[in-house]
Amino acid sequence: MQSPTALERLNARIVRCRRCPRLVAHREAAAAEPPLRYRGQRYWARPLPGFGDPRARLLLVGLAPAAAFDGDLVVAGEALAIEVGA
């Protein structure tokens, strides 16, 4: 078996991330009561790692539709602007 690539290791870290206690509590509550359309399925309720060509020259970043809980949408946008040097 091959050892994981740097991108695979990063994706694993993203999925395990628990750095924001409010977000963790929110997503765990969502997992406890998933939407009816997901009844009987394993509901993800975890951070979503990136996907696509790791060599792509264009990066699109967005927030999930439900990401705007408790004003975090503004904070996330500010953090993204800092990361990309806007």
PDB file of N, CA and C in Angstrom:
ATOM      1  N   MET A   1       0.841  -1.187   0.000  1.00  0.00           N
ATOM      2  CA  MET A   1       0.000   0.000   0.000  1.00  0.00           C
ATOM      3  C   MET A   1       0.885   1.250   0.000  1.00  0.00           C
ATOM      4  N   GLN A   2       0.533   2.200  -0.844  1.00  0.00           N
ATOM      5  CA  GLN A   2       1.311   3.435  -0.939  1.00  0.00           C
ATOM      6  C   GLN A   2       1.009   4.335   0.258  1.00  0.00           C
ATOM      7  N   SER A   3       2.007   5.125   0.641  1.00  0.00           N
ATOM      8  CA  SER A   3       1.768   6.103   1.693  1.00  0.00           C
ATOM      9  C   SER A   3       0.955   7.259   1.106  1.00  0.00           C
ATOM     10  N   PRO A   4       0.142   7.921   1.937  1.00  0.00           N
ATOM     11  CA  PRO A   4      -0.709   8.991   1.414  1.00  0.00           C
ATOM     12  C   PRO A   4       0.111  10.184   0.913  1.00  0.00           C
ATOM     13  N   THR A   5      -0.435  10.850  -0.086  1.00  0.00           N
ATOM     14  CA  THR A   5       0.207  12.050  -0.626  1.00  0.00           C
ATOM     15  C   THR A   5      -0.024  13.210   0.336  1.00  0.00           C
ATOM     16  N   ALA A   6       0.671  14.301   0.111  1.00  0.00           N
ATOM     17  CA  ALA A   6       0.489  15.495   0.945  1.00  0.00           C
ATOM     18  C   ALA A   6      -0.965  15.971   0.888  1.00  0.00           C
ATOM     19  N   LEU A   7      -1.573  15.920  -0.295  1.00  0.00           N
ATOM     20  CA  LEU A   7      -2.966  16.353  -0.433  1.00  0.00           C
ATOM     21  C   LEU A   7      -3.903  15.419   0.331  1.00  0.00           C
ATOM     22  N   GLU A   8      -3.653  14.124   0.277  1.00  0.00           N
ATOM     23  CA  GLU A   8      -4.477  13.168   1.030  1.00  0.00           C
ATOM     24  C   GLU A   8      -4.341  13.384   2.530  1.00  0.00           C
ATOM     25  N   ARG A   9      -3.122  13.678   2.987  1.00  0.00           N
ATOM     26  CA  ARG A   9      -2.918  13.957   4.416  1.00  0.00           C
ATOM     27  C   ARG A   9      -3.643  15.239   4.819  1.00  0.00           C
ATOM     28  N   LEU A  10      -3.586  16.264   3.971  1.00  0.00           N
ATOM     29  CA  LEU A  10      -4.299  17.512   4.247  1.00  0.00           C
ATOM     30  C   LEU A  10      -5.804  17.272   4.305  1.00  0.00           C
ATOM     31  N   ASN A  11      -6.345  16.522   3.351  1.00  0.00           N
ATOM     32  CA  ASN A  11      -7.778  16.219   3.349  1.00  0.00           C
ATOM     33  C   ASN A  11      -8.189  15.494   4.625  1.00  0.00           C
ATOM     34  N   ALA A  12      -7.366  14.561   5.086  1.00  0.00           N
ATOM     35  CA  ALA A  12      -7.666  13.836   6.326  1.00  0.00           C
ATOM     36  C   ALA A  12      -7.676  14.792   7.517  1.00  0.00           C
ATOM     37  N   ARG A  13      -6.744  15.730   7.547  1.00  0.00           N
ATOM     38  CA  ARG A  13      -6.724  16.734   8.632  1.00  0.00           C
ATOM     39  C   ARG A  13      -7.973  17.599   8.594  1.00  0.00           C
ATOM     40  N   ILE A  14      -8.402  17.999   7.408  1.00  0.00           N
ATOM     41  CA  ILE A  14      -9.592  18.844   7.272  1.00  0.00           C
ATOM     42  C   ILE A  14     -10.815  18.118   7.815  1.00  0.00           C
ATOM     43  N   VAL A  15     -10.979  16.861   7.449  1.00  0.00           N
ATOM     44  CA  VAL A  15     -12.151  16.096   7.875  1.00  0.00           C
ATOM     45  C   VAL A  15     -12.170  15.902   9.393  1.00  0.00           C
ATOM     46  N   ARG A  16     -10.991  15.769  10.017  1.00  0.00           N
ATOM     47  CA  ARG A  16     -10.913  15.560  11.473  1.00  0.00           C
ATOM     48  C   ARG A  16     -10.949  16.866  12.267  1.00  0.00           C
ATOM     49  N   CYS A  17     -10.885  17.996  11.610  1.00  0.00           N
ATOM     50  CA  CYS A  17     -10.710  19.286  12.284  1.00  0.00           C
ATOM     51  C   CYS A  17     -11.810  19.560  13.318  1.00  0.00           C
ATOM     52  N   ARG A  18     -11.378  20.015  14.505  1.00  0.00           N
ATOM     53  CA  ARG A  18     -12.298  20.379  15.590  1.00  0.00           C
ATOM     54  C   ARG A  18     -11.856  21.705  16.222  1.00  0.00           C
ATOM     55  N   ARG A  19     -11.189  22.568  15.456  1.00  0.00           N
ATOM     56  CA  ARG A  19     -10.609  23.800  16.009  1.00  0.00           C
ATOM     57  C   ARG A  19     -11.641  24.840  16.412  1.00  0.00           C
ATOM     58  N   CYS A  20     -12.820  24.799  15.809  1.00  0.00           N
ATOM     59  CA  CYS A  20     -13.860  25.788  16.152  1.00  0.00           C
ATOM     60  C   CYS A  20     -14.965  25.085  16.938  1.00  0.00           C
ATOM     61  N   PRO A  21     -14.980  25.221  18.262  1.00  0.00           N
ATOM     62  CA  PRO A  21     -15.953  24.503  19.079  1.00  0.00           C
ATOM     63  C   PRO A  21     -17.411  24.796  18.691  1.00  0.00           C
ATOM     64  N   ARG A  22     -17.706  26.045  18.328  1.00  0.00           N
ATOM     65  CA  ARG A  22     -19.092  26.370  17.936  1.00  0.00           C
ATOM     66  C   ARG A  22     -19.486  25.656  16.662  1.00  0.00           C
ATOM     67  N   LEU A  23     -18.591  25.591  15.696  1.00  0.00           N
ATOM     68  CA  LEU A  23     -18.889  24.909  14.443  1.00  0.00           C
ATOM     69  C   LEU A  23     -19.020  23.400  14.657  1.00  0.00           C
ATOM     70  N   VAL A  24     -18.153  22.846  15.493  1.00  0.00           N
ATOM     71  CA  VAL A  24     -18.234  21.412  15.800  1.00  0.00           C
ATOM     72  C   VAL A  24     -19.577  21.101  16.455  1.00  0.00           C
ATOM     73  N   ALA A  25     -19.984  21.911  17.434  1.00  0.00           N
ATOM     74  CA  ALA A  25     -21.273  21.687  18.103  1.00  0.00           C
ATOM     75  C   ALA A  25     -22.422  21.784  17.104  1.00  0.00           C
ATOM     76  N   HIS A  26     -22.347  22.766  16.206  1.00  0.00           N
ATOM     77  CA  HIS A  26     -23.401  22.961  15.207  1.00  0.00           C
ATOM     78  C   HIS A  26     -23.493  21.762  14.267  1.00  0.00           C
ATOM     79  N   ARG A  27     -22.368  21.297  13.757  1.00  0.00           N
ATOM     80  CA  ARG A  27     -22.425  20.191  12.802  1.00  0.00           C
ATOM     81  C   ARG A  27     -22.770  18.876  13.487  1.00  0.00           C
ATOM     82  N   GLU A  28     -22.371  18.692  14.740  1.00  0.00           N
ATOM     83  CA  GLU A  28     -22.756  17.471  15.449  1.00  0.00           C
ATOM     84  C   GLU A  28     -24.253  17.460  15.756  1.00  0.00           C
ATOM     85  N   ALA A  29     -24.814  18.637  16.051  1.00  0.00           N
ATOM     86  CA  ALA A  29     -26.263  18.722  16.244  1.00  0.00           C
ATOM     87  C   ALA A  29     -26.980  18.416  14.933  1.00  0.00           C
ATOM     88  N   ALA A  30     -26.435  18.897  13.829  1.00  0.00           N
ATOM     89  CA  ALA A  30     -27.032  18.612  12.517  1.00  0.00           C
ATOM     90  C   ALA A  30     -26.961  17.123  12.210  1.00  0.00           C
ATOM     91  N   ALA A  31     -25.879  16.474  12.615  1.00  0.00           N
ATOM     92  CA  ALA A  31     -25.739  15.043  12.369  1.00  0.00           C
ATOM     93  C   ALA A  31     -26.719  14.236  13.220  1.00  0.00           C
ATOM     94  N   ALA A  32     -27.023  14.741  14.418  1.00  0.00           N
ATOM     95  CA  ALA A  32     -27.961  14.041  15.296  1.00  0.00           C
ATOM     96  C   ALA A  32     -29.383  14.085  14.749  1.00  0.00           C
ATOM     97  N   GLU A  33     -29.712  15.140  14.033  1.00  0.00           N
ATOM     98  CA  GLU A  33     -31.042  15.316  13.431  1.00  0.00           C
ATOM     99  C   GLU A  33     -30.888  15.662  11.959  1.00  0.00           C
ATOM    100  N   PRO A  34     -30.420  14.729  11.129  1.00  0.00           N
ATOM    101  CA  PRO A  34     -30.195  15.057   9.717  1.00  0.00           C
ATOM    102  C   PRO A  34     -31.508  15.339   8.991  1.00  0.00           C
ATOM    103  N   PRO A  35     -31.436  16.062   7.881  1.00  0.00           N
ATOM    104  CA  PRO A  35     -32.643  16.326   7.089  1.00  0.00           C
ATOM    105  C   PRO A  35     -33.324  15.017   6.698  1.00  0.00           C
ATOM    106  N   LEU A  36     -34.641  15.047   6.571  1.00  0.00           N
ATOM    107  CA  LEU A  36     -35.415  13.848   6.243  1.00  0.00           C
ATOM    108  C   LEU A  36     -34.930  13.188   4.964  1.00  0.00           C
ATOM    109  N   ARG A  37     -34.467  13.985   3.996  1.00  0.00           N
ATOM    110  CA  ARG A  37     -34.037  13.393   2.728  1.00  0.00           C
ATOM    111  C   ARG A  37     -32.829  12.473   2.904  1.00  0.00           C
ATOM    112  N   TYR A  38     -32.144  12.550   4.048  1.00  0.00           N
ATOM    113  CA  TYR A  38     -30.984  11.700   4.311  1.00  0.00           C
ATOM    114  C   TYR A  38     -31.301  10.567   5.298  1.00  0.00           C
ATOM    115  N   ARG A  39     -32.572  10.395   5.649  1.00  0.00           N
ATOM    116  CA  ARG A  39     -32.946   9.354   6.600  1.00  0.00           C
ATOM    117  C   ARG A  39     -32.465   7.992   6.093  1.00  0.00           C
ATOM    118  N   GLY A  40     -31.848   7.236   6.989  1.00  0.00           N
ATOM    119  CA  GLY A  40     -31.354   5.915   6.629  1.00  0.00           C
ATOM    120  C   GLY A  40     -29.980   5.920   5.987  1.00  0.00           C
ATOM    121  N   GLN A  41     -29.396   7.103   5.808  1.00  0.00           N
ATOM    122  CA  GLN A  41     -28.063   7.203   5.216  1.00  0.00           C
ATOM    123  C   GLN A  41     -27.085   7.731   6.267  1.00  0.00           C
ATOM    124  N   ARG A  42     -25.820   7.479   6.045  1.00  0.00           N
ATOM    125  CA  ARG A  42     -24.803   8.059   6.924  1.00  0.00           C
ATOM    126  C   ARG A  42     -24.663   9.532   6.540  1.00  0.00           C
ATOM    127  N   TYR A  43     -25.000  10.410   7.446  1.00  0.00           N
ATOM    128  CA  TYR A  43     -24.952  11.847   7.172  1.00  0.00           C
ATOM    129  C   TYR A  43     -23.549  12.372   7.461  1.00  0.00           C
ATOM    130  N   TRP A  44     -22.970  13.102   6.516  1.00  0.00           N
ATOM    131  CA  TRP A  44     -21.566  13.533   6.593  1.00  0.00           C
ATOM    132  C   TRP A  44     -21.330  14.451   7.789  1.00  0.00           C
ATOM    133  N   ALA A  45     -21.912  15.633   7.796  1.00  0.00           N
ATOM    134  CA  ALA A  45     -21.799  16.598   8.908  1.00  0.00           C
ATOM    135  C   ALA A  45     -20.363  16.795   9.394  1.00  0.00           C
ATOM    136  N   ARG A  46     -19.444  16.864   8.466  1.00  0.00           N
ATOM    137  CA  ARG A  46     -18.037  17.135   8.769  1.00  0.00           C
ATOM    138  C   ARG A  46     -17.508  18.105   7.721  1.00  0.00           C
ATOM    139  N   PRO A  47     -16.347  18.691   7.979  1.00  0.00           N
ATOM    140  CA  PRO A  47     -15.768  19.569   6.957  1.00  0.00           C
ATOM    141  C   PRO A  47     -15.572  18.819   5.643  1.00  0.00           C
ATOM    142  N   LEU A  48     -15.731  19.531   4.564  1.00  0.00           N
ATOM    143  CA  LEU A  48     -15.597  18.925   3.236  1.00  0.00           C
ATOM    144  C   LEU A  48     -14.219  19.263   2.667  1.00  0.00           C
ATOM    145  N   PRO A  49     -13.411  18.252   2.395  1.00  0.00           N
ATOM    146  CA  PRO A  49     -12.099  18.542   1.807  1.00  0.00           C
ATOM    147  C   PRO A  49     -12.238  18.967   0.349  1.00  0.00           C
ATOM    148  N   GLY A  50     -11.176  19.510  -0.161  1.00  0.00           N
ATOM    149  CA  GLY A  50     -11.177  19.933  -1.553  1.00  0.00           C
ATOM    150  C   GLY A  50     -11.223  18.748  -2.504  1.00  0.00           C
ATOM    151  N   PHE A  51     -11.523  19.036  -3.748  1.00  0.00           N
ATOM    152  CA  PHE A  51     -11.539  17.990  -4.768  1.00  0.00           C
ATOM    153  C   PHE A  51     -11.185  18.627  -6.096  1.00  0.00           C
ATOM    154  N   GLY A  52     -10.869  17.808  -7.055  1.00  0.00           N
ATOM    155  CA  GLY A  52     -10.498  18.301  -8.373  1.00  0.00           C
ATOM    156  C   GLY A  52      -9.017  18.104  -8.638  1.00  0.00           C
ATOM    157  N   ASP A  53      -8.558  18.721  -9.683  1.00  0.00           N
ATOM    158  CA  ASP A  53      -7.170  18.587 -10.114  1.00  0.00           C
ATOM    159  C   ASP A  53      -6.263  19.397  -9.180  1.00  0.00           C
ATOM    160  N   PRO A  54      -5.367  18.753  -8.445  1.00  0.00           N
ATOM    161  CA  PRO A  54      -4.495  19.501  -7.542  1.00  0.00           C
ATOM    162  C   PRO A  54      -3.531  20.437  -8.276  1.00  0.00           C
ATOM    163  N   ARG A  55      -3.394  20.273  -9.598  1.00  0.00           N
ATOM    164  CA  ARG A  55      -2.513  21.150 -10.378  1.00  0.00           C
ATOM    165  C   ARG A  55      -3.287  22.263 -11.081  1.00  0.00           C
ATOM    166  N   ALA A  56      -4.556  22.412 -10.769  1.00  0.00           N
ATOM    167  CA  ALA A  56      -5.378  23.429 -11.438  1.00  0.00           C
ATOM    168  C   ALA A  56      -4.791  24.820 -11.219  1.00  0.00           C
ATOM    169  N   ARG A  57      -5.012  25.698 -12.192  1.00  0.00           N
ATOM    170  CA  ARG A  57      -4.482  27.060 -12.103  1.00  0.00           C
ATOM    171  C   ARG A  57      -5.516  28.034 -11.554  1.00  0.00           C
ATOM    172  N   LEU A  58      -6.740  27.570 -11.370  1.00  0.00           N
ATOM    173  CA  LEU A  58      -7.815  28.409 -10.859  1.00  0.00           C
ATOM    174  C   LEU A  58      -8.418  27.738  -9.636  1.00  0.00           C
ATOM    175  N   LEU A  59      -8.591  28.504  -8.564  1.00  0.00           N
ATOM    176  CA  LEU A  59      -9.154  27.978  -7.325  1.00  0.00           C
ATOM    177  C   LEU A  59     -10.451  28.715  -7.024  1.00  0.00           C
ATOM    178  N   LEU A  60     -11.529  27.971  -6.866  1.00  0.00           N
ATOM    179  CA  LEU A  60     -12.812  28.539  -6.466  1.00  0.00           C
ATOM    180  C   LEU A  60     -13.085  28.128  -5.034  1.00  0.00           C
ATOM    181  N   VAL A  61     -13.400  29.089  -4.197  1.00  0.00           N
ATOM    182  CA  VAL A  61     -13.669  28.811  -2.790  1.00  0.00           C
ATOM    183  C   VAL A  61     -15.060  29.322  -2.475  1.00  0.00           C
ATOM    184  N   GLY A  62     -15.824  28.510  -1.783  1.00  0.00           N
ATOM    185  CA  GLY A  62     -17.161  28.936  -1.397  1.00  0.00           C
ATOM    186  C   GLY A  62     -17.554  28.332  -0.074  1.00  0.00           C
ATOM    187  N   LEU A  63     -18.618  28.849   0.470  1.00  0.00           N
ATOM    188  CA  LEU A  63     -19.158  28.340   1.718  1.00  0.00           C
ATOM    189  C   LEU A  63     -20.435  27.578   1.435  1.00  0.00           C
ATOM    190  N   ALA A  64     -20.683  26.556   2.225  1.00  0.00           N
ATOM    191  CA  ALA A  64     -21.925  25.809   2.093  1.00  0.00           C
ATOM    192  C   ALA A  64     -23.100  26.741   2.359  1.00  0.00           C
ATOM    193  N   PRO A  65     -24.257  26.454   1.775  1.00  0.00           N
ATOM    194  CA  PRO A  65     -25.415  27.329   1.984  1.00  0.00           C
ATOM    195  C   PRO A  65     -25.769  27.548   3.446  1.00  0.00           C
ATOM    196  N   ALA A  66     -25.509  26.575   4.303  1.00  0.00           N
ATOM    197  CA  ALA A  66     -25.849  26.719   5.724  1.00  0.00           C
ATOM    198  C   ALA A  66     -24.687  27.256   6.550  1.00  0.00           C
ATOM    199  N   ALA A  67     -23.639  27.740   5.895  1.00  0.00           N
ATOM    200  CA  ALA A  67     -22.446  28.168   6.627  1.00  0.00           C
ATOM    201  C   ALA A  67     -22.637  29.494   7.354  1.00  0.00           C
ATOM    202  N   ALA A  68     -23.685  30.196   7.098  1.00  0.00           N
ATOM    203  CA  ALA A  68     -23.873  31.524   7.690  1.00  0.00           C
ATOM    204  C   ALA A  68     -24.586  31.445   9.028  1.00  0.00           C
ATOM    205  N   PHE A  69     -24.114  30.595   9.927  1.00  0.00           N
ATOM    206  CA  PHE A  69     -24.727  30.529  11.250  1.00  0.00           C
ATOM    207  C   PHE A  69     -23.993  31.470  12.194  1.00  0.00           C
ATOM    208  N   ASP A  70     -24.717  32.202  12.976  1.00  0.00           N
ATOM    209  CA  ASP A  70     -24.163  33.098  14.004  1.00  0.00           C
ATOM    210  C   ASP A  70     -23.127  34.094  13.485  1.00  0.00           C
ATOM    211  N   GLY A  71     -23.293  34.565  12.268  1.00  0.00           N
ATOM    212  CA  GLY A  71     -22.405  35.597  11.759  1.00  0.00           C
ATOM    213  C   GLY A  71     -21.057  35.105  11.270  1.00  0.00           C
ATOM    214  N   ASP A  72     -20.836  33.810  11.231  1.00  0.00           N
ATOM    215  CA  ASP A  72     -19.533  33.296  10.813  1.00  0.00           C
ATOM    216  C   ASP A  72     -19.238  33.549   9.344  1.00  0.00           C
ATOM    217  N   LEU A  73     -20.265  33.808   8.541  1.00  0.00           N
ATOM    218  CA  LEU A  73     -20.053  34.065   7.123  1.00  0.00           C
ATOM    219  C   LEU A  73     -19.121  35.257   6.941  1.00  0.00           C
ATOM    220  N   VAL A  74     -19.316  36.315   7.721  1.00  0.00           N
ATOM    221  CA  VAL A  74     -18.462  37.497   7.618  1.00  0.00           C
ATOM    222  C   VAL A  74     -17.042  37.152   8.040  1.00  0.00           C
ATOM    223  N   VAL A  75     -16.884  36.432   9.139  1.00  0.00           N
ATOM    224  CA  VAL A  75     -15.563  36.056   9.631  1.00  0.00           C
ATOM    225  C   VAL A  75     -14.856  35.185   8.603  1.00  0.00           C
ATOM    226  N   ALA A  76     -15.572  34.216   8.018  1.00  0.00           N
ATOM    227  CA  ALA A  76     -14.962  33.341   7.014  1.00  0.00           C
ATOM    228  C   ALA A  76     -14.513  34.146   5.804  1.00  0.00           C
ATOM    229  N   GLY A  77     -15.323  35.097   5.369  1.00  0.00           N
ATOM    230  CA  GLY A  77     -14.959  35.931   4.234  1.00  0.00           C
ATOM    231  C   GLY A  77     -13.734  36.777   4.516  1.00  0.00           C
ATOM    232  N   GLU A  78     -13.648  37.306   5.732  1.00  0.00           N
ATOM    233  CA  GLU A  78     -12.480  38.099   6.109  1.00  0.00           C
ATOM    234  C   GLU A  78     -11.226  37.229   6.149  1.00  0.00           C
ATOM    235  N   ALA A  79     -11.348  36.013   6.696  1.00  0.00           N
ATOM    236  CA  ALA A  79     -10.199  35.108   6.766  1.00  0.00           C
ATOM    237  C   ALA A  79      -9.735  34.729   5.367  1.00  0.00           C
ATOM    238  N   LEU A  80     -10.675  34.487   4.465  1.00  0.00           N
ATOM    239  CA  LEU A  80     -10.319  34.133   3.100  1.00  0.00           C
ATOM    240  C   LEU A  80      -9.596  35.297   2.418  1.00  0.00           C
ATOM    241  N   ALA A  81     -10.082  36.504   2.622  1.00  0.00           N
ATOM    242  CA  ALA A  81      -9.448  37.672   2.026  1.00  0.00           C
ATOM    243  C   ALA A  81      -8.008  37.819   2.510  1.00  0.00           C
ATOM    244  N   ILE A  82      -7.769  37.527   3.777  1.00  0.00           N
ATOM    245  CA  ILE A  82      -6.423  37.618   4.322  1.00  0.00           C
ATOM    246  C   ILE A  82      -5.534  36.536   3.698  1.00  0.00           C
ATOM    247  N   GLU A  83      -6.071  35.304   3.576  1.00  0.00           N
ATOM    248  CA  GLU A  83      -5.297  34.196   3.034  1.00  0.00           C
ATOM    249  C   GLU A  83      -4.850  34.454   1.600  1.00  0.00           C
ATOM    250  N   VAL A  84      -5.743  35.002   0.769  1.00  0.00           N
ATOM    251  CA  VAL A  84      -5.395  35.199  -0.634  1.00  0.00           C
ATOM    252  C   VAL A  84      -4.706  36.547  -0.865  1.00  0.00           C
ATOM    253  N   GLY A  85      -4.540  37.312   0.202  1.00  0.00           N
ATOM    254  CA  GLY A  85      -3.831  38.574   0.086  1.00  0.00           C
ATOM    255  C   GLY A  85      -4.647  39.682  -0.548  1.00  0.00           C
ATOM    256  N   ALA A  86      -5.956  39.647  -0.358  1.00  0.00           N
ATOM    257  CA  ALA A  86      -6.834  40.684  -0.917  1.00  0.00           C
ATOM    258  C   ALA A  86      -6.705  41.970  -0.147  1.00  0.00           C
TER     259      ALA A  86
END
